[in-house]
Amino acid sequence: MKAKSIVLILTFSISICILWSVNGMGGSDPCALLSTAEAEELLGEPINAPEPTDTGNPLGQKLCSYSASSSNRFIHISILRTEEMSKKVRDHGQSAPSVYRTTREMLDPVRAVPGVGDDACWGIPGLHILKGSAYLVIGVGNTDKIENLELAKRVAAKVLGRL
């Protein structure tokens, strides 16, 4: 009887994960896009526990911050998804791609970053990426430093496939 209960619970849990994945819900939590171990590997040092933030704004923006435990290094991931924007925002013609395009037009300086997502650019506060109906920003530090662009691209390579 106990074994049947465990099998039933596991089956239910796996089904929920599959549904979330198929419906794009798994990619809504930016902290689920990058593991602690991956963040430590990317930063080259131990990190504090990731800090998720649901901004509660009408754009549905969600954030996750990974900070090194012994230095000022960090990884910030911000995500906007069209389907998580309020109906009022969507009814006014806004979408994650439109927010991305507007932001890209306003960035100065801005640098195109080919080969990342559907479109990407580098400018304050980091690597701006459009992929489907998702707009991500990966911040890792000063955008004047080319090594930070390279780090942000390595983070993007880990997270984009998990959207």
N, C-alpha and C. Protein backbone atom coordinates (compact mmCIF):
# COMPACT_ATOMS: atom_id res chain seq x y z
N MET A 1 0.82 -1.20 0.00
CA MET A 1 0.00 0.00 0.00
C MET A 1 0.87 1.26 0.00
N LYS A 2 1.91 1.28 0.86
CA LYS A 2 2.80 2.43 0.94
C LYS A 2 3.53 2.65 -0.39
N ALA A 3 3.96 1.56 -1.02
CA ALA A 3 4.65 1.64 -2.30
C ALA A 3 3.73 2.22 -3.38
N LYS A 4 2.45 1.83 -3.37
CA LYS A 4 1.49 2.37 -4.34
C LYS A 4 1.32 3.87 -4.14
N SER A 5 1.27 4.32 -2.91
CA SER A 5 1.12 5.75 -2.62
C SER A 5 2.32 6.53 -3.14
N ILE A 6 3.51 5.99 -2.93
CA ILE A 6 4.73 6.66 -3.40
C ILE A 6 4.73 6.74 -4.91
N VAL A 7 4.38 5.64 -5.58
CA VAL A 7 4.32 5.63 -7.05
C VAL A 7 3.30 6.64 -7.55
N LEU A 8 2.15 6.72 -6.89
CA LEU A 8 1.12 7.67 -7.28
C LEU A 8 1.60 9.11 -7.12
N ILE A 9 2.25 9.41 -6.02
CA ILE A 9 2.78 10.75 -5.78
C ILE A 9 3.84 11.10 -6.82
N LEU A 10 4.75 10.17 -7.10
CA LEU A 10 5.79 10.42 -8.09
C LEU A 10 5.19 10.64 -9.48
N THR A 11 4.22 9.82 -9.84
CA THR A 11 3.56 9.97 -11.14
C THR A 11 2.89 11.33 -11.25
N PHE A 12 2.20 11.75 -10.20
CA PHE A 12 1.54 13.06 -10.18
C PHE A 12 2.57 14.18 -10.32
N SER A 13 3.67 14.09 -9.57
CA SER A 13 4.71 15.12 -9.61
C SER A 13 5.33 15.23 -10.99
N ILE A 14 5.62 14.09 -11.60
CA ILE A 14 6.21 14.10 -12.94
C ILE A 14 5.22 14.69 -13.95
N SER A 15 3.95 14.34 -13.81
CA SER A 15 2.92 14.88 -14.72
C SER A 15 2.84 16.39 -14.62
N ILE A 16 2.88 16.91 -13.40
CA ILE A 16 2.83 18.37 -13.21
C ILE A 16 4.05 19.02 -13.86
N CYS A 17 5.23 18.44 -13.67
CA CYS A 17 6.45 19.00 -14.29
C CYS A 17 6.35 18.99 -15.81
N ILE A 18 5.81 17.93 -16.37
CA ILE A 18 5.65 17.86 -17.83
C ILE A 18 4.66 18.92 -18.30
N LEU A 19 3.55 19.07 -17.59
CA LEU A 19 2.57 20.10 -17.97
C LEU A 19 3.17 21.49 -17.89
N TRP A 20 3.92 21.77 -16.84
CA TRP A 20 4.57 23.08 -16.71
C TRP A 20 5.52 23.30 -17.88
N SER A 21 6.29 22.28 -18.20
CA SER A 21 7.25 22.39 -19.28
C SER A 21 6.55 22.62 -20.62
N VAL A 22 5.50 21.86 -20.91
CA VAL A 22 4.79 21.99 -22.18
C VAL A 22 4.10 23.35 -22.29
N ASN A 23 3.59 23.85 -21.20
CA ASN A 23 2.88 25.13 -21.20
C ASN A 23 3.79 26.32 -20.98
N GLY A 24 5.09 26.11 -20.90
CA GLY A 24 6.03 27.21 -20.74
C GLY A 24 6.10 27.73 -19.31
N MET A 25 5.47 27.06 -18.36
CA MET A 25 5.45 27.56 -17.00
C MET A 25 6.78 27.30 -16.29
N GLY A 26 7.51 26.31 -16.71
CA GLY A 26 8.78 26.01 -16.06
C GLY A 26 9.80 27.10 -16.27
N GLY A 27 9.70 27.82 -17.37
CA GLY A 27 10.65 28.88 -17.66
C GLY A 27 10.27 30.22 -17.07
N SER A 28 9.25 30.27 -16.24
CA SER A 28 8.79 31.52 -15.66
C SER A 28 9.59 31.94 -14.44
N ASP A 29 10.23 31.00 -13.79
CA ASP A 29 11.01 31.28 -12.59
C ASP A 29 12.48 31.40 -12.99
N PRO A 30 13.03 32.60 -12.96
CA PRO A 30 14.42 32.75 -13.40
C PRO A 30 15.40 31.97 -12.52
N CYS A 31 15.06 31.70 -11.26
CA CYS A 31 15.95 30.91 -10.40
C CYS A 31 15.96 29.44 -10.82
N ALA A 32 14.94 29.00 -11.56
CA ALA A 32 14.90 27.62 -12.05
C ALA A 32 15.71 27.46 -13.34
N LEU A 33 16.14 28.57 -13.92
CA LEU A 33 16.88 28.52 -15.18
C LEU A 33 18.38 28.26 -14.99
N LEU A 34 18.88 28.52 -13.78
CA LEU A 34 20.31 28.36 -13.52
C LEU A 34 20.46 27.78 -12.12
N SER A 35 21.15 26.66 -12.02
CA SER A 35 21.34 26.04 -10.70
C SER A 35 22.41 26.78 -9.91
N THR A 36 22.40 26.56 -8.62
CA THR A 36 23.43 27.14 -7.75
C THR A 36 24.81 26.66 -8.18
N ALA A 37 24.92 25.38 -8.48
CA ALA A 37 26.22 24.82 -8.91
C ALA A 37 26.69 25.48 -10.20
N GLU A 38 25.78 25.71 -11.14
CA GLU A 38 26.16 26.37 -12.40
C GLU A 38 26.59 27.81 -12.14
N ALA A 39 25.88 28.51 -11.28
CA ALA A 39 26.26 29.89 -10.96
C ALA A 39 27.64 29.93 -10.31
N GLU A 40 27.90 28.98 -9.41
CA GLU A 40 29.23 28.93 -8.77
C GLU A 40 30.31 28.64 -9.80
N GLU A 41 30.02 27.74 -10.73
CA GLU A 41 30.99 27.42 -11.78
C GLU A 41 31.26 28.65 -12.65
N LEU A 42 30.20 29.37 -13.02
CA LEU A 42 30.34 30.54 -13.88
C LEU A 42 31.10 31.67 -13.18
N LEU A 43 30.82 31.88 -11.89
CA LEU A 43 31.48 32.94 -11.14
C LEU A 43 32.85 32.52 -10.61
N GLY A 44 33.08 31.21 -10.55
CA GLY A 44 34.37 30.72 -10.09
C GLY A 44 34.53 30.77 -8.58
N GLU A 45 33.42 30.83 -7.85
CA GLU A 45 33.49 30.86 -6.39
C GLU A 45 32.12 30.53 -5.80
N PRO A 46 32.09 30.19 -4.51
CA PRO A 46 30.81 29.88 -3.86
C PRO A 46 29.87 31.09 -3.87
N ILE A 47 28.57 30.78 -3.90
CA ILE A 47 27.58 31.86 -3.89
C ILE A 47 26.63 31.70 -2.71
N ASN A 48 25.94 32.78 -2.39
CA ASN A 48 24.86 32.74 -1.41
C ASN A 48 23.66 32.11 -2.09
N ALA A 49 22.64 31.78 -1.31
CA ALA A 49 21.42 31.21 -1.88
C ALA A 49 20.81 32.20 -2.88
N PRO A 50 20.33 31.71 -4.04
CA PRO A 50 19.70 32.60 -5.02
C PRO A 50 18.52 33.34 -4.40
N GLU A 51 18.34 34.60 -4.80
CA GLU A 51 17.27 35.43 -4.26
C GLU A 51 16.25 35.74 -5.35
N PRO A 52 15.09 35.06 -5.32
CA PRO A 52 14.04 35.33 -6.31
C PRO A 52 13.25 36.58 -5.91
N THR A 53 12.77 37.30 -6.93
CA THR A 53 11.91 38.46 -6.70
C THR A 53 10.82 38.47 -7.75
N ASP A 54 9.59 38.47 -7.29
CA ASP A 54 8.45 38.67 -8.19
C ASP A 54 8.07 40.13 -8.01
N THR A 55 8.32 40.94 -9.01
CA THR A 55 8.14 42.38 -8.87
C THR A 55 6.69 42.77 -8.67
N GLY A 56 5.78 41.91 -9.10
CA GLY A 56 4.37 42.24 -8.96
C GLY A 56 3.92 43.36 -9.90
N ASN A 57 4.80 43.76 -10.82
CA ASN A 57 4.41 44.83 -11.73
C ASN A 57 3.55 44.28 -12.87
N PRO A 58 2.83 45.14 -13.58
CA PRO A 58 1.92 44.67 -14.64
C PRO A 58 2.63 43.94 -15.79
N LEU A 59 3.94 44.11 -15.90
CA LEU A 59 4.69 43.41 -16.94
C LEU A 59 4.96 41.96 -16.55
N GLY A 60 4.74 41.61 -15.29
CA GLY A 60 4.98 40.23 -14.84
C GLY A 60 6.45 39.90 -14.70
N GLN A 61 7.28 40.92 -14.55
CA GLN A 61 8.72 40.72 -14.48
C GLN A 61 9.10 39.92 -13.23
N LYS A 62 10.01 38.96 -13.42
CA LYS A 62 10.55 38.17 -12.33
C LYS A 62 12.07 38.24 -12.39
N LEU A 63 12.69 38.24 -11.22
CA LEU A 63 14.13 38.40 -11.11
C LEU A 63 14.73 37.29 -10.26
N CYS A 64 16.00 37.00 -10.50
CA CYS A 64 16.75 36.12 -9.62
C CYS A 64 18.17 36.66 -9.53
N SER A 65 18.66 36.76 -8.30
CA SER A 65 20.01 37.28 -8.06
C SER A 65 20.86 36.21 -7.41
N TYR A 66 22.03 36.01 -7.98
CA TYR A 66 23.02 35.10 -7.43
C TYR A 66 24.22 35.98 -7.06
N SER A 67 24.62 35.96 -5.80
CA SER A 67 25.76 36.78 -5.39
C SER A 67 26.84 35.90 -4.78
N ALA A 68 28.08 36.23 -5.12
CA ALA A 68 29.20 35.49 -4.57
C ALA A 68 29.28 35.75 -3.07
N SER A 69 29.67 34.73 -2.33
CA SER A 69 29.71 34.88 -0.87
C SER A 69 30.96 35.59 -0.38
N SER A 70 32.01 35.68 -1.22
CA SER A 70 33.25 36.29 -0.73
C SER A 70 33.75 37.44 -1.60
N SER A 71 32.95 37.90 -2.55
CA SER A 71 33.35 39.03 -3.38
C SER A 71 32.09 39.78 -3.82
N ASN A 72 32.26 40.78 -4.68
CA ASN A 72 31.11 41.55 -5.16
C ASN A 72 30.60 41.04 -6.52
N ARG A 73 31.02 39.86 -6.94
CA ARG A 73 30.58 39.31 -8.22
C ARG A 73 29.14 38.81 -8.10
N PHE A 74 28.41 38.86 -9.21
CA PHE A 74 27.00 38.48 -9.18
C PHE A 74 26.52 38.09 -10.57
N ILE A 75 25.35 37.45 -10.59
CA ILE A 75 24.58 37.19 -11.81
C ILE A 75 23.14 37.58 -11.48
N HIS A 76 22.57 38.47 -12.29
CA HIS A 76 21.15 38.83 -12.16
C HIS A 76 20.44 38.37 -13.43
N ILE A 77 19.32 37.70 -13.27
CA ILE A 77 18.51 37.28 -14.41
C ILE A 77 17.12 37.87 -14.24
N SER A 78 16.69 38.60 -15.26
CA SER A 78 15.34 39.18 -15.29
C SER A 78 14.61 38.55 -16.46
N ILE A 79 13.34 38.23 -16.26
CA ILE A 79 12.55 37.64 -17.35
C ILE A 79 11.18 38.29 -17.42
N LEU A 80 10.78 38.61 -18.65
CA LEU A 80 9.42 39.05 -18.97
C LEU A 80 8.88 38.07 -19.99
N ARG A 81 7.67 37.60 -19.76
CA ARG A 81 7.02 36.72 -20.73
C ARG A 81 5.68 37.34 -21.09
N THR A 82 5.38 37.41 -22.37
CA THR A 82 4.14 38.03 -22.83
C THR A 82 2.94 37.45 -22.10
N GLU A 83 2.88 36.14 -21.97
CA GLU A 83 1.72 35.50 -21.36
C GLU A 83 1.57 35.80 -19.87
N GLU A 84 2.59 36.35 -19.24
CA GLU A 84 2.51 36.70 -17.82
C GLU A 84 2.26 38.18 -17.60
N MET A 85 2.17 38.95 -18.69
CA MET A 85 1.82 40.36 -18.56
C MET A 85 0.33 40.46 -18.25
N SER A 86 -0.04 41.52 -17.56
CA SER A 86 -1.46 41.69 -17.25
C SER A 86 -2.24 41.85 -18.56
N LYS A 87 -3.50 41.47 -18.52
CA LYS A 87 -4.36 41.59 -19.70
C LYS A 87 -4.42 43.03 -20.17
N LYS A 88 -4.47 43.96 -19.24
CA LYS A 88 -4.52 45.39 -19.59
C LYS A 88 -3.28 45.81 -20.39
N VAL A 89 -2.13 45.35 -19.97
CA VAL A 89 -0.88 45.66 -20.68
C VAL A 89 -0.91 45.05 -22.08
N ARG A 90 -1.31 43.78 -22.16
CA ARG A 90 -1.38 43.12 -23.48
C ARG A 90 -2.42 43.80 -24.37
N ASP A 91 -3.56 44.21 -23.78
CA ASP A 91 -4.61 44.89 -24.57
C ASP A 91 -4.13 46.23 -25.13
N HIS A 92 -3.09 46.80 -24.53
CA HIS A 92 -2.51 48.05 -25.04
C HIS A 92 -1.37 47.78 -26.02
N GLY A 93 -1.31 46.54 -26.51
CA GLY A 93 -0.34 46.21 -27.56
C GLY A 93 1.04 45.88 -27.07
N GLN A 94 1.23 45.72 -25.78
CA GLN A 94 2.55 45.40 -25.26
C GLN A 94 2.77 43.90 -25.24
N SER A 95 4.01 43.51 -25.46
CA SER A 95 4.44 42.12 -25.40
C SER A 95 5.91 42.13 -25.02
N ALA A 96 6.43 40.98 -24.67
CA ALA A 96 7.85 40.91 -24.35
C ALA A 96 8.70 41.37 -25.54
N PRO A 97 8.38 40.94 -26.78
CA PRO A 97 9.16 41.44 -27.92
C PRO A 97 9.07 42.97 -28.10
N SER A 98 7.89 43.55 -27.86
CA SER A 98 7.78 45.01 -28.03
C SER A 98 8.57 45.74 -26.95
N VAL A 99 8.58 45.22 -25.72
CA VAL A 99 9.38 45.84 -24.65
C VAL A 99 10.86 45.71 -24.98
N TYR A 100 11.27 44.55 -25.48
CA TYR A 100 12.66 44.35 -25.89
C TYR A 100 13.06 45.36 -26.97
N ARG A 101 12.24 45.47 -28.02
CA ARG A 101 12.57 46.38 -29.13
C ARG A 101 12.66 47.83 -28.66
N THR A 102 11.72 48.26 -27.82
CA THR A 102 11.74 49.63 -27.30
C THR A 102 12.99 49.86 -26.47
N THR A 103 13.31 48.90 -25.62
CA THR A 103 14.51 49.03 -24.77
C THR A 103 15.75 49.10 -25.63
N ARG A 104 15.84 48.23 -26.62
CA ARG A 104 17.03 48.22 -27.50
C ARG A 104 17.20 49.57 -28.21
N GLU A 105 16.09 50.16 -28.66
CA GLU A 105 16.15 51.46 -29.33
C GLU A 105 16.64 52.56 -28.40
N MET A 106 16.34 52.43 -27.10
CA MET A 106 16.71 53.48 -26.15
C MET A 106 18.10 53.31 -25.56
N LEU A 107 18.70 52.13 -25.69
CA LEU A 107 20.03 51.91 -25.13
C LEU A 107 21.08 52.71 -25.87
N ASP A 108 21.96 53.35 -25.12
CA ASP A 108 23.06 54.10 -25.72
C ASP A 108 24.21 54.11 -24.73
N PRO A 109 25.29 53.45 -25.01
CA PRO A 109 25.58 52.70 -26.23
C PRO A 109 24.91 51.32 -26.22
N VAL A 110 24.80 50.75 -27.41
CA VAL A 110 24.27 49.40 -27.56
C VAL A 110 25.12 48.67 -28.59
N ARG A 111 25.29 47.39 -28.36
CA ARG A 111 26.11 46.56 -29.26
C ARG A 111 25.32 45.29 -29.59
N ALA A 112 25.16 44.99 -30.86
CA ALA A 112 24.48 43.77 -31.27
C ALA A 112 25.30 42.56 -30.84
N VAL A 113 24.60 41.50 -30.42
CA VAL A 113 25.27 40.26 -30.03
C VAL A 113 24.64 39.13 -30.85
N PRO A 114 25.23 38.85 -32.01
CA PRO A 114 24.66 37.81 -32.88
C PRO A 114 24.81 36.42 -32.28
N GLY A 115 23.86 35.54 -32.66
CA GLY A 115 23.95 34.14 -32.26
C GLY A 115 23.40 33.82 -30.88
N VAL A 116 22.77 34.78 -30.23
CA VAL A 116 22.18 34.55 -28.90
C VAL A 116 20.68 34.79 -29.00
N GLY A 117 19.88 33.76 -28.71
CA GLY A 117 18.43 33.89 -28.79
C GLY A 117 17.97 34.25 -30.19
N ASP A 118 16.79 34.87 -30.29
CA ASP A 118 16.28 35.35 -31.58
C ASP A 118 16.93 36.68 -31.95
N ASP A 119 17.28 37.45 -30.93
CA ASP A 119 17.96 38.74 -31.10
C ASP A 119 18.57 39.06 -29.75
N ALA A 120 19.71 39.73 -29.75
CA ALA A 120 20.35 40.09 -28.48
C ALA A 120 21.22 41.32 -28.67
N CYS A 121 21.36 42.05 -27.58
CA CYS A 121 22.24 43.22 -27.59
C CYS A 121 22.86 43.39 -26.21
N TRP A 122 23.96 44.13 -26.17
CA TRP A 122 24.70 44.39 -24.95
C TRP A 122 24.61 45.87 -24.65
N GLY A 123 24.13 46.21 -23.49
CA GLY A 123 24.02 47.59 -23.03
C GLY A 123 23.53 47.57 -21.59
N ILE A 124 23.57 48.69 -20.96
CA ILE A 124 23.18 48.76 -19.55
C ILE A 124 21.81 48.16 -19.36
N PRO A 125 21.56 47.29 -18.43
CA PRO A 125 22.45 46.76 -17.39
C PRO A 125 23.09 45.41 -17.72
N GLY A 126 23.07 44.97 -19.01
CA GLY A 126 23.69 43.69 -19.33
C GLY A 126 23.32 43.18 -20.70
N LEU A 127 23.20 41.88 -20.81
CA LEU A 127 22.87 41.21 -22.06
C LEU A 127 21.35 41.11 -22.18
N HIS A 128 20.78 41.81 -23.15
CA HIS A 128 19.33 41.81 -23.41
C HIS A 128 19.07 40.76 -24.48
N ILE A 129 18.15 39.85 -24.21
CA ILE A 129 17.90 38.73 -25.12
C ILE A 129 16.41 38.59 -25.38
N LEU A 130 16.06 38.46 -26.65
CA LEU A 130 14.69 38.12 -27.04
C LEU A 130 14.71 36.69 -27.53
N LYS A 131 13.85 35.86 -26.94
CA LYS A 131 13.69 34.49 -27.43
C LYS A 131 12.21 34.16 -27.36
N GLY A 132 11.59 34.04 -28.54
CA GLY A 132 10.16 33.77 -28.60
C GLY A 132 9.39 34.88 -27.92
N SER A 133 8.54 34.50 -26.97
CA SER A 133 7.74 35.50 -26.25
C SER A 133 8.37 35.85 -24.91
N ALA A 134 9.69 35.65 -24.79
CA ALA A 134 10.40 35.97 -23.55
C ALA A 134 11.49 37.00 -23.81
N TYR A 135 11.62 37.93 -22.89
CA TYR A 135 12.68 38.94 -22.90
C TYR A 135 13.47 38.77 -21.61
N LEU A 136 14.73 38.43 -21.76
CA LEU A 136 15.62 38.25 -20.60
C LEU A 136 16.68 39.33 -20.58
N VAL A 137 17.09 39.68 -19.38
CA VAL A 137 18.28 40.51 -19.20
C VAL A 137 19.17 39.78 -18.22
N ILE A 138 20.42 39.58 -18.64
CA ILE A 138 21.40 38.92 -17.78
C ILE A 138 22.45 39.97 -17.44
N GLY A 139 22.50 40.33 -16.17
CA GLY A 139 23.47 41.31 -15.69
C GLY A 139 24.55 40.61 -14.89
N VAL A 140 25.80 40.99 -15.17
CA VAL A 140 26.93 40.39 -14.45
C VAL A 140 27.96 41.43 -14.02
N GLY A 141 27.67 42.70 -14.25
CA GLY A 141 28.61 43.75 -13.85
C GLY A 141 28.72 44.82 -14.91
N ASN A 142 29.75 45.60 -14.80
CA ASN A 142 30.00 46.76 -15.66
C ASN A 142 29.95 46.38 -17.14
N THR A 143 29.07 47.04 -17.90
CA THR A 143 28.93 46.72 -19.33
C THR A 143 30.06 47.29 -20.18
N ASP A 144 30.96 48.05 -19.57
CA ASP A 144 32.14 48.53 -20.31
C ASP A 144 33.22 47.46 -20.40
N LYS A 145 33.09 46.41 -19.62
CA LYS A 145 34.12 45.36 -19.59
C LYS A 145 33.70 44.20 -20.49
N ILE A 146 34.51 43.92 -21.50
CA ILE A 146 34.21 42.87 -22.48
C ILE A 146 34.13 41.49 -21.81
N GLU A 147 34.91 41.28 -20.74
CA GLU A 147 34.86 39.98 -20.06
C GLU A 147 33.48 39.74 -19.43
N ASN A 148 32.77 40.81 -19.10
CA ASN A 148 31.41 40.65 -18.56
C ASN A 148 30.44 40.22 -19.66
N LEU A 149 30.63 40.72 -20.87
CA LEU A 149 29.81 40.25 -21.99
C LEU A 149 30.03 38.76 -22.20
N GLU A 150 31.27 38.33 -22.15
CA GLU A 150 31.58 36.91 -22.35
C GLU A 150 30.94 36.05 -21.25
N LEU A 151 30.97 36.52 -20.00
CA LEU A 151 30.34 35.80 -18.90
C LEU A 151 28.82 35.75 -19.11
N ALA A 152 28.22 36.87 -19.49
CA ALA A 152 26.78 36.91 -19.72
C ALA A 152 26.38 35.95 -20.85
N LYS A 153 27.20 35.84 -21.88
CA LYS A 153 26.93 34.90 -22.97
C LYS A 153 27.00 33.45 -22.49
N ARG A 154 27.92 33.17 -21.57
CA ARG A 154 28.02 31.81 -21.01
C ARG A 154 26.78 31.51 -20.15
N VAL A 155 26.31 32.50 -19.40
CA VAL A 155 25.08 32.32 -18.63
C VAL A 155 23.92 32.06 -19.59
N ALA A 156 23.82 32.86 -20.65
CA ALA A 156 22.74 32.71 -21.64
C ALA A 156 22.76 31.31 -22.25
N ALA A 157 23.94 30.78 -22.53
CA ALA A 157 24.04 29.44 -23.12
C ALA A 157 23.44 28.40 -22.19
N LYS A 158 23.52 28.61 -20.90
CA LYS A 158 22.95 27.67 -19.93
C LYS A 158 21.43 27.83 -19.82
N VAL A 159 20.91 29.06 -19.83
CA VAL A 159 19.51 29.28 -19.49
C VAL A 159 18.54 29.27 -20.68
N LEU A 160 18.98 29.65 -21.86
CA LEU A 160 18.04 29.79 -22.97
C LEU A 160 17.33 28.50 -23.35
N GLY A 161 17.99 27.40 -23.27
CA GLY A 161 17.37 26.12 -23.59
C GLY A 161 16.34 25.67 -22.57
N ARG A 162 16.29 26.36 -21.44
CA ARG A 162 15.38 25.96 -20.36
C ARG A 162 14.11 26.81 -20.31
N LEU A 163 13.99 27.73 -21.23
CA LEU A 163 12.78 28.58 -21.24
C LEU A 163 11.56 27.78 -21.63
